[in-house]
Protein backbone atom coordinates (compact mmCIF):
# COMPACT_ATOMS: atom_id res chain seq x y z
CA MET A 1 3.89 -2.16 14.81
CA ILE A 2 2.72 1.08 13.19
CA ARG A 3 4.07 4.06 15.11
CA HIS A 4 3.06 7.65 15.69
CA ARG A 5 5.71 10.22 14.83
CA PRO A 6 6.82 12.40 17.77
CA LEU A 7 7.37 15.58 15.72
CA LEU A 8 3.99 15.41 14.04
CA VAL A 9 2.27 14.43 17.27
CA CYS A 10 3.63 17.66 18.77
CA LEU A 11 2.20 19.60 15.84
CA LEU A 12 -1.12 17.86 16.26
CA LEU A 13 -1.44 18.52 19.98
CA ILE A 14 -3.13 21.78 19.17
CA THR A 15 -6.00 19.94 17.44
CA ILE A 16 -5.77 16.28 18.39
CA ILE A 17 -3.70 14.26 20.70
CA ALA A 18 1.57 -14.70 -11.56
CA ALA A 19 -1.39 -15.51 -13.67
CA GLY A 20 -3.22 -13.75 -16.50
CA CYS A 21 -2.12 -11.92 -19.61
CA ILE A 22 -1.51 -8.34 -20.67
CA VAL A 23 -4.22 -6.65 -22.67
CA ASP A 24 -3.23 -3.27 -24.14
CA LEU A 25 -6.37 -1.20 -24.57
CA ALA A 26 -6.84 1.94 -26.64
CA PRO A 27 -5.63 5.22 -25.10
CA LEU A 28 -8.16 6.96 -22.87
CA ALA A 29 -9.14 10.54 -23.66
CA GLN A 30 -9.71 11.20 -19.94
CA PRO A 31 -9.51 9.20 -16.72
CA PRO A 32 -12.52 7.00 -16.03
CA THR A 33 -14.78 7.84 -13.12
CA ILE A 34 -14.73 5.45 -10.17
CA LYS A 35 -16.84 2.39 -10.90
CA PRO A 36 -15.71 -0.22 -8.36
CA THR A 37 -17.09 -3.73 -8.52
CA SER A 38 -16.92 -6.54 -5.98
CA GLU A 39 -13.95 -8.03 -7.85
CA THR A 40 -12.00 -5.28 -9.64
CA LEU A 41 -8.86 -3.60 -8.34
CA GLN A 42 -7.61 -0.45 -10.10
CA ILE A 43 -4.10 0.99 -9.84
CA HIS A 44 -3.45 4.27 -11.65
CA PHE A 45 0.14 5.36 -12.25
CA ILE A 46 -0.67 9.05 -12.74
CA ASP A 47 1.41 11.01 -15.22
CA VAL A 48 2.78 13.84 -13.07
CA GLY A 49 5.89 14.49 -15.11
CA GLN A 50 9.18 13.91 -13.29
CA GLY A 51 7.60 12.56 -10.11
CA ASP A 52 5.54 9.72 -8.64
CA SER A 53 1.83 9.46 -7.85
CA ILE A 54 -0.16 6.23 -7.59
CA LEU A 55 -3.92 5.98 -7.07
CA VAL A 56 -5.25 2.67 -5.75
CA ILE A 57 -8.98 1.89 -5.82
CA SER A 58 -9.97 -1.21 -3.89
CA PRO A 59 -12.80 -3.48 -5.07
CA GLU A 60 -15.02 -1.81 -2.44
CA GLY A 61 -14.18 1.68 -3.73
CA LYS A 62 -11.73 2.60 -0.95
CA ILE A 63 -9.07 5.07 -2.06
CA ALA A 64 -5.33 5.12 -1.42
CA LEU A 65 -2.87 7.67 -2.81
CA ILE A 66 0.83 6.87 -2.76
CA ASP A 67 2.81 10.10 -3.33
CA GLY A 68 1.55 13.19 -5.13
CA GLY A 69 4.24 14.33 -7.57
CA GLU A 70 5.50 17.92 -7.60
CA ALA A 71 3.22 20.76 -6.55
CA GLY A 72 0.77 21.56 -9.35
CA SER A 73 1.83 18.58 -11.48
CA GLY A 74 -1.69 17.23 -11.97
CA ALA A 75 -2.38 14.68 -9.22
CA LEU A 76 -5.12 16.79 -7.60
CA GLN A 77 -6.80 17.46 -10.93
CA TYR A 78 -6.67 13.76 -11.78
CA LEU A 79 -8.30 12.81 -8.47
CA GLN A 80 -11.00 15.42 -8.96
CA ASN A 81 -11.65 14.21 -12.52
CA MET A 82 -11.96 10.70 -11.12
CA GLY A 83 -14.62 11.88 -8.69
CA VAL A 84 -12.59 11.14 -5.57
CA LYS A 85 -14.40 12.61 -2.56
CA ARG A 86 -12.28 11.12 0.23
CA ILE A 87 -8.85 9.51 0.45
CA ASP A 88 -8.84 6.68 2.97
CA LEU A 89 -5.07 6.20 2.99
CA MET A 90 -2.33 8.60 1.90
CA VAL A 91 1.27 7.38 1.83
CA ALA A 92 4.30 9.65 1.40
CA THR A 93 7.11 7.27 0.52
CA HIS A 94 9.89 9.74 1.34
CA PRO A 95 10.23 13.55 1.67
CA HIS A 96 11.54 14.54 -1.77
CA ASP A 97 9.54 17.26 -3.54
CA ASP A 98 8.79 15.12 -6.61
CA HIS A 99 6.91 12.72 -4.34
CA ILE A 100 5.35 14.96 -1.67
CA GLY A 101 5.07 18.32 -3.45
CA GLY A 102 1.50 17.71 -4.61
CA LEU A 103 0.23 16.29 -1.31
CA PRO A 104 -0.39 19.60 0.53
CA GLU A 105 -2.82 20.88 -2.12
CA ILE A 106 -4.60 17.52 -2.05
CA LEU A 107 -4.91 17.64 1.74
CA GLU A 108 -6.32 21.16 1.41
CA SER A 109 -8.92 20.04 -1.17
CA ILE A 110 -9.98 16.46 -0.35
CA PRO A 111 -10.66 14.93 3.12
CA VAL A 112 -8.03 12.36 4.11
CA THR A 113 -8.61 9.72 6.78
CA LYS A 114 -5.05 8.52 7.40
CA VAL A 115 -1.56 9.68 6.42
CA VAL A 116 1.46 7.37 6.58
CA MET A 117 5.11 8.39 6.35
CA ASN A 118 8.47 6.90 7.31
CA GLY A 119 9.24 9.55 9.95
CA GLU A 120 12.26 11.01 8.18
CA GLU A 121 12.91 14.71 8.80
CA HIS A 122 13.54 17.19 6.01
CA THR A 123 14.26 20.91 5.98
CA SER A 124 12.44 21.85 2.77
CA SER A 125 9.56 24.31 2.81
CA THR A 126 7.50 21.67 0.98
CA PHE A 127 8.00 19.21 3.83
CA GLU A 128 7.10 21.84 6.43
CA ARG A 129 3.97 22.75 4.49
CA LEU A 130 3.02 19.08 4.34
CA LEU A 131 3.34 18.73 8.11
CA ASP A 132 1.21 21.82 8.63
CA ASP A 133 -1.48 20.52 6.29
CA ILE A 134 -1.52 17.08 7.92
CA ALA A 135 -2.03 18.75 11.28
CA GLY A 136 -4.75 21.00 9.88
CA SER A 137 -6.54 18.11 8.18
CA LYS A 138 -7.00 16.21 11.48
CA ALA A 139 -6.12 13.00 9.62
CA GLU A 140 -4.80 10.08 11.64
CA TYR A 141 -1.02 9.93 11.33
CA ALA A 142 1.32 6.94 11.58
CA GLU A 143 4.78 5.75 10.61
CA VAL A 144 5.62 2.32 9.26
CA ARG A 145 8.55 -0.04 9.23
CA ARG A 146 9.36 -3.39 7.65
CA GLY A 147 6.86 -6.01 8.80
CA ASP A 148 3.93 -3.61 9.19
CA THR A 149 0.72 -3.94 7.19
CA LEU A 150 -1.51 -1.20 5.80
CA THR A 151 -5.16 -2.04 5.18
CA LEU A 152 -7.42 -0.60 2.50
CA GLY A 153 -10.80 -2.30 2.48
CA SER A 154 -10.09 -5.94 1.65
CA LEU A 155 -6.53 -5.14 0.55
CA ASN A 156 -3.39 -5.54 2.65
CA PHE A 157 -0.16 -3.77 1.75
CA GLU A 158 2.94 -5.39 3.24
CA VAL A 159 5.65 -2.90 4.20
CA LEU A 160 9.06 -4.17 3.01
CA ASN A 161 11.07 -1.00 3.66
CA PRO A 162 12.45 0.90 5.54
CA GLY A 163 13.93 -1.24 8.27
CA LEU A 164 13.67 -0.54 11.99
CA ARG A 165 16.22 2.28 11.77
CA LEU A 166 16.43 4.81 8.98
CA GLY A 167 19.71 5.06 7.10
CA ASP A 168 21.55 8.11 5.81
CA ASP A 169 20.10 8.06 2.29
CA ILE A 170 16.60 9.49 1.75
CA ASN A 171 15.87 7.37 -1.33
CA ASN A 172 16.86 4.14 0.38
CA ASN A 173 14.54 5.00 3.27
CA SER A 174 11.56 4.98 0.87
CA ILE A 175 8.47 3.10 1.94
CA VAL A 176 8.26 -0.01 -0.24
CA LEU A 177 4.90 -1.79 -0.46
CA ARG A 178 3.83 -5.18 -1.79
CA LEU A 179 0.19 -5.91 -2.57
CA ALA A 180 -1.15 -9.35 -3.46
CA TYR A 181 -4.63 -9.58 -4.98
CA GLY A 182 -5.48 -13.15 -5.83
CA LYS A 183 -2.91 -14.38 -8.31
CA VAL A 184 -1.79 -10.85 -9.25
CA SER A 185 0.74 -8.93 -7.15
CA PHE A 186 2.27 -5.46 -7.18
CA LEU A 187 5.63 -4.26 -5.83
CA LEU A 188 5.81 -0.48 -5.38
CA MET A 189 9.40 0.65 -4.84
CA GLY A 190 9.18 4.43 -4.33
CA ASP A 191 12.71 5.72 -4.92
CA ALA A 192 14.40 2.76 -3.21
CA GLU A 193 17.80 1.99 -4.69
CA LYS A 194 20.15 -0.98 -4.72
CA THR A 195 21.07 -0.69 -1.03
CA ALA A 196 17.41 -1.01 -0.03
CA GLU A 197 16.90 -3.82 -2.55
CA ARG A 198 19.76 -5.75 -0.93
CA GLU A 199 18.36 -5.20 2.57
CA ILE A 200 14.92 -6.42 1.48
CA LEU A 201 16.43 -9.56 -0.03
CA ASP A 202 18.60 -10.12 3.05
CA ALA A 203 15.43 -9.98 5.18
CA ASN A 204 14.16 -12.94 3.13
CA LEU A 205 10.92 -11.17 2.26
CA ALA A 206 8.60 -12.20 -0.55
CA VAL A 207 9.26 -9.89 -3.49
CA ALA A 208 7.93 -11.82 -6.49
CA ALA A 209 5.44 -9.59 -8.30
CA THR A 210 3.38 -9.51 -11.45
CA VAL A 211 3.76 -5.74 -11.69
CA LEU A 212 6.84 -3.80 -10.54
CA LYS A 213 6.77 -0.05 -10.03
CA VAL A 214 10.44 0.48 -10.86
CA GLY A 215 12.52 2.23 -8.20
CA HIS A 216 13.84 5.78 -8.63
CA HIS A 217 12.46 6.55 -12.09
CA ALA A 218 14.38 3.64 -13.65
CA SER A 219 17.77 5.18 -12.93
CA THR A 220 20.98 3.15 -12.71
CA THR A 221 20.88 3.45 -8.90
CA SER A 222 18.03 0.93 -8.71
CA SER A 223 16.88 -2.35 -10.26
CA SER A 224 19.94 -4.52 -9.68
CA ALA A 225 20.08 -7.75 -11.69
CA GLY A 226 19.89 -9.87 -8.54
CA PHE A 227 16.79 -8.06 -7.32
CA LEU A 228 15.00 -8.24 -10.66
CA ASP A 229 15.81 -11.94 -10.87
CA ARG A 230 13.92 -12.46 -7.59
CA VAL A 231 10.99 -10.20 -8.51
CA ARG A 232 10.57 -11.55 -12.06
CA PRO A 233 7.89 -9.02 -13.06
CA ALA A 234 5.71 -9.53 -16.11
CA VAL A 235 5.09 -5.77 -16.22
CA ALA A 236 7.36 -2.92 -15.16
CA VAL A 237 6.10 0.66 -14.79
CA TYR A 238 8.38 3.66 -14.32
CA PHE A 239 7.70 7.37 -13.76
CA ALA A 240 9.66 9.96 -15.75
CA GLY A 241 9.08 13.37 -17.28
CA VAL A 242 9.29 13.91 -21.01
CA ASP A 243 12.83 14.99 -21.96
CA ASN A 244 13.80 15.23 -18.29
CA SER A 245 17.27 16.48 -17.40
CA PHE A 246 18.18 13.36 -15.37
CA GLY A 247 18.32 10.94 -18.28
CA HIS A 248 15.52 8.78 -16.88
CA PRO A 249 14.88 6.04 -17.75
CA ASP A 250 18.44 4.77 -18.09
CA LYS A 251 19.14 2.33 -20.92
CA GLU A 252 20.99 0.03 -18.53
CA THR A 253 17.87 -0.33 -16.39
CA LEU A 254 15.60 -0.85 -19.39
CA ASN A 255 17.95 -3.58 -20.61
CA ALA A 256 17.93 -5.21 -17.17
CA LEU A 257 14.12 -5.27 -17.23
CA LYS A 258 14.17 -6.72 -20.72
CA ALA A 259 16.55 -9.43 -19.51
CA VAL A 260 13.88 -10.74 -17.11
CA ASN A 261 11.22 -10.53 -19.86
CA ALA A 262 9.29 -7.66 -18.28
CA LYS A 263 7.11 -5.57 -20.57
CA THR A 264 7.98 -1.98 -19.68
CA TYR A 265 5.63 1.00 -19.58
CA GLY A 266 6.77 4.57 -18.89
CA THR A 267 4.70 7.65 -18.15
CA ASP A 268 7.04 9.76 -20.30
CA VAL A 269 5.99 7.74 -23.36
CA LEU A 270 2.49 6.51 -22.52
CA GLY A 271 1.12 9.02 -20.02
CA THR A 272 -1.03 7.73 -17.17
CA ILE A 273 -0.98 3.93 -16.95
CA VAL A 274 -4.01 2.16 -15.43
CA ILE A 275 -3.83 -1.51 -14.46
CA THR A 276 -7.02 -3.32 -13.50
CA SER A 277 -7.25 -6.82 -12.07
CA ASP A 278 -9.90 -9.30 -11.00
CA GLY A 279 -7.30 -11.29 -9.09
CA GLN A 280 -6.89 -13.81 -11.90
CA GLY A 281 -5.45 -11.66 -14.68
CA TYR A 282 -4.93 -7.99 -15.48
CA GLN A 283 -5.35 -5.34 -18.16
CA VAL A 284 -3.20 -2.32 -18.97
CA ASN A 285 -4.63 0.98 -20.24
CA THR A 286 -2.64 4.05 -21.23
CA THR A 287 -3.75 7.64 -21.80
CA GLY A 288 -0.96 9.19 -23.85
CA PRO A 289 1.75 11.49 -22.46
CA GLN A 290 0.80 14.58 -20.51
CA THR A 291 1.10 17.86 -22.40
CA VAL A 292 2.61 20.42 -20.06
CA ALA A 293 1.75 24.03 -20.84
CA ALA A 294 4.66 26.45 -20.68
CA LEU A 295 4.46 28.49 -17.50
CA ALA A 296 3.59 32.16 -17.98
CA LEU A 297 3.48 35.03 -15.49
CA ASP A 298 2.50 38.66 -15.94
CA ILE A 299 2.18 41.41 -13.36
CA VAL A 300 -1.09 43.10 -14.29
CA SER A 301 -1.27 45.98 -11.82
CA LEU A 302 0.40 47.35 -8.69
CA THR A 303 -0.20 50.15 -6.23
CA SER A 304 3.04 51.85 -7.16
CA ARG A 305 2.96 54.98 -5.03
CA VAL A 306 1.73 54.24 -1.55
CA ALA A 307 2.00 56.14 1.70
CA PRO A 308 3.36 54.48 4.85
CA GLY A 309 0.46 52.96 6.78
CA SER A 310 -1.65 52.49 3.62
CA GLN A 311 -2.56 49.34 1.69
CA ALA A 312 -0.95 48.17 -1.52
CA THR A 313 -2.26 45.60 -4.00
CA LEU A 314 -0.51 43.57 -6.69
CA ASN A 315 -2.48 41.62 -9.32
CA ALA A 316 -0.86 39.01 -11.55
CA LYS A 317 -1.90 36.39 -14.09
CA THR A 318 -0.43 32.94 -14.63
CA LEU A 319 -1.66 29.40 -15.38
CA PRO A 320 -4.72 28.18 -13.46
CA GLY A 321 -3.74 26.33 -10.29
CA ALA A 322 -0.14 27.59 -10.25
CA ARG A 323 1.33 28.12 -6.79
CA CYS A 324 2.45 31.73 -6.45
CA MET A 325 4.70 33.52 -3.97
CA ILE A 326 5.49 37.20 -3.48
CA THR A 327 8.50 38.83 -1.82
CA VAL A 328 8.18 42.52 -0.98
CA HIS A 329 11.41 44.32 -0.10
CA THR A 330 11.85 47.46 2.01
CA LYS A 331 14.91 49.38 3.10
CA SER A 332 15.09 47.29 6.28
CA GLY A 333 14.63 43.90 4.58
CA VAL A 334 11.78 41.62 3.45
CA SER A 335 8.27 42.57 4.53
CA GLU A 336 6.43 40.07 6.70
CA ALA A 337 3.09 41.87 6.44
CA ARG A 338 -0.11 39.89 6.65
CA GLY A 339 -1.50 39.17 3.19
CA LEU A 340 1.78 38.22 1.56
CA GLU A 341 1.33 34.47 2.02
CA PRO A 342 1.62 32.07 -0.96
CA HIS A 343 -1.59 31.57 -2.92
CA LYS A 344 -2.85 29.37 -5.73
CA ALA A 345 -4.06 31.01 -8.94
CA ASP A 346 -7.80 30.69 -9.57
CA SER A 347 -9.43 28.85 -12.47
CA SER A 348 -8.71 31.83 -14.74
CA GLY A 349 -5.09 32.13 -13.62
CA ASN A 350 -5.64 35.29 -11.58
CA ILE A 351 -3.73 35.92 -8.35
CA SER A 352 -3.80 38.93 -6.02
CA TRP A 353 -2.12 40.11 -2.82
CA THR A 354 -3.15 43.05 -0.65
CA TRP A 355 -1.01 44.09 2.31
CA LYS A 356 -0.45 47.05 4.60
CA VAL A 357 2.73 49.04 4.15
CA GLY A 358 4.09 49.61 7.64
CA ALA A 359 3.76 53.09 9.09
CA GLY A 360 7.52 53.14 9.68
CA THR A 361 8.47 51.99 6.17
CA ALA A 362 11.19 54.22 4.75
CA GLU A 363 10.39 56.27 1.68
CA GLY A 364 11.95 55.11 -1.55
CA THR A 365 11.50 52.68 -4.43
CA TRP A 366 11.74 49.00 -3.46
CA LYS A 367 11.79 45.69 -5.34
CA ILE A 368 8.97 43.12 -5.49
CA GLU A 369 9.50 39.57 -6.75
CA VAL A 370 6.61 37.33 -7.83
CA THR A 371 7.20 33.61 -8.47
CA ALA A 372 4.85 31.05 -10.04
CA GLU A 373 5.43 27.27 -9.88
CA GLN A 374 3.67 24.43 -11.69
CA ASN A 375 4.55 21.07 -13.24
CA GLY A 376 8.14 21.35 -12.08
CA GLN A 377 8.50 24.76 -13.76
CA SER A 378 9.29 28.01 -11.96
CA LEU A 379 9.10 31.57 -13.28
CA THR A 380 9.92 34.81 -11.44
CA LYS A 381 9.08 38.38 -12.45
CA GLU A 382 10.36 41.55 -10.76
CA THR A 383 8.79 44.96 -10.41
CA SER A 384 9.07 47.84 -7.96
CA TYR A 385 6.83 50.06 -5.86
CA THR A 386 7.37 53.55 -4.44
CA VAL A 387 6.70 54.48 -0.84
CA LYS A 388 6.14 58.21 -0.40
CA LYS A 389 4.16 60.26 2.11
């Protein structure tokens, strides 16, 4: 049975109580707009660098999003380019930033009908922001466990993981979904590792799949030989960033996939991977790897000499859509003045904060730190301002 999560419910009380063959098509210059038919299923493995984000479009045009990559890594832009106006089902497989980081900005930009998580707590600011945005979105919220089913139009996703009780490892608590569409099936592993694979097999669940979304970025912690032998995928898709520092995908995992005759596609090599199916066969499209612009940040102007009780303004410039934070120091500590909240840079990369310097702020010259984040990159610049009557 799908459950409601006690913590999130408390937050919400304020507002609501294998057939077919592979066809490799030419790379796409841009994602196609949504053109659902009565028979075609689309699954987009969105290139978000070192993270996961999967867009599912049902034959009726219903939309599911499974994970959102890091904040600012491109999932929101991809959805907007696709013409997505509403997300019917959003699934956060587990609370690691490379899976949930992009979900808050999506919730803030596109209406979402239902959000599903596994109920695991996390202390990161990203996780807290996600909870706040779910509450603010007024989306229905639920948790799932093994044996549950998620519905998207005519599609049914079987939940294979986690089990009734969460374990101690966040990756192994990942929501794992299996989708069968006619003779074509998909197994989406999140970051589930070998422990979860063993538990799924021990539960005697159907795992055979035409397409496998490889667990944990094709690291050595997932894709055991015994598990792959039961899945027997014709196609394996993994998410990884170009030249990532984790060594993903691991050669051992790629060899294990080759041993079961899976044709492997990776976002680090091929960019976004789109698989379409009519239930009898399937096609695979690729877009080419994502080009990530180097993050830049410049402090353009600052009210440098300001009297206690007056307003100060800082203007900066970075990449469009970058998430930006400011920390203003005083003699007594970090300012908590209204107006210093994180913001997202506009379409020209401009960002601005205006705040009131407290009437009791001590005179002197104090540090300001500005941080921009996008596509897994982070850049901080420091400056200072002078308080003087």
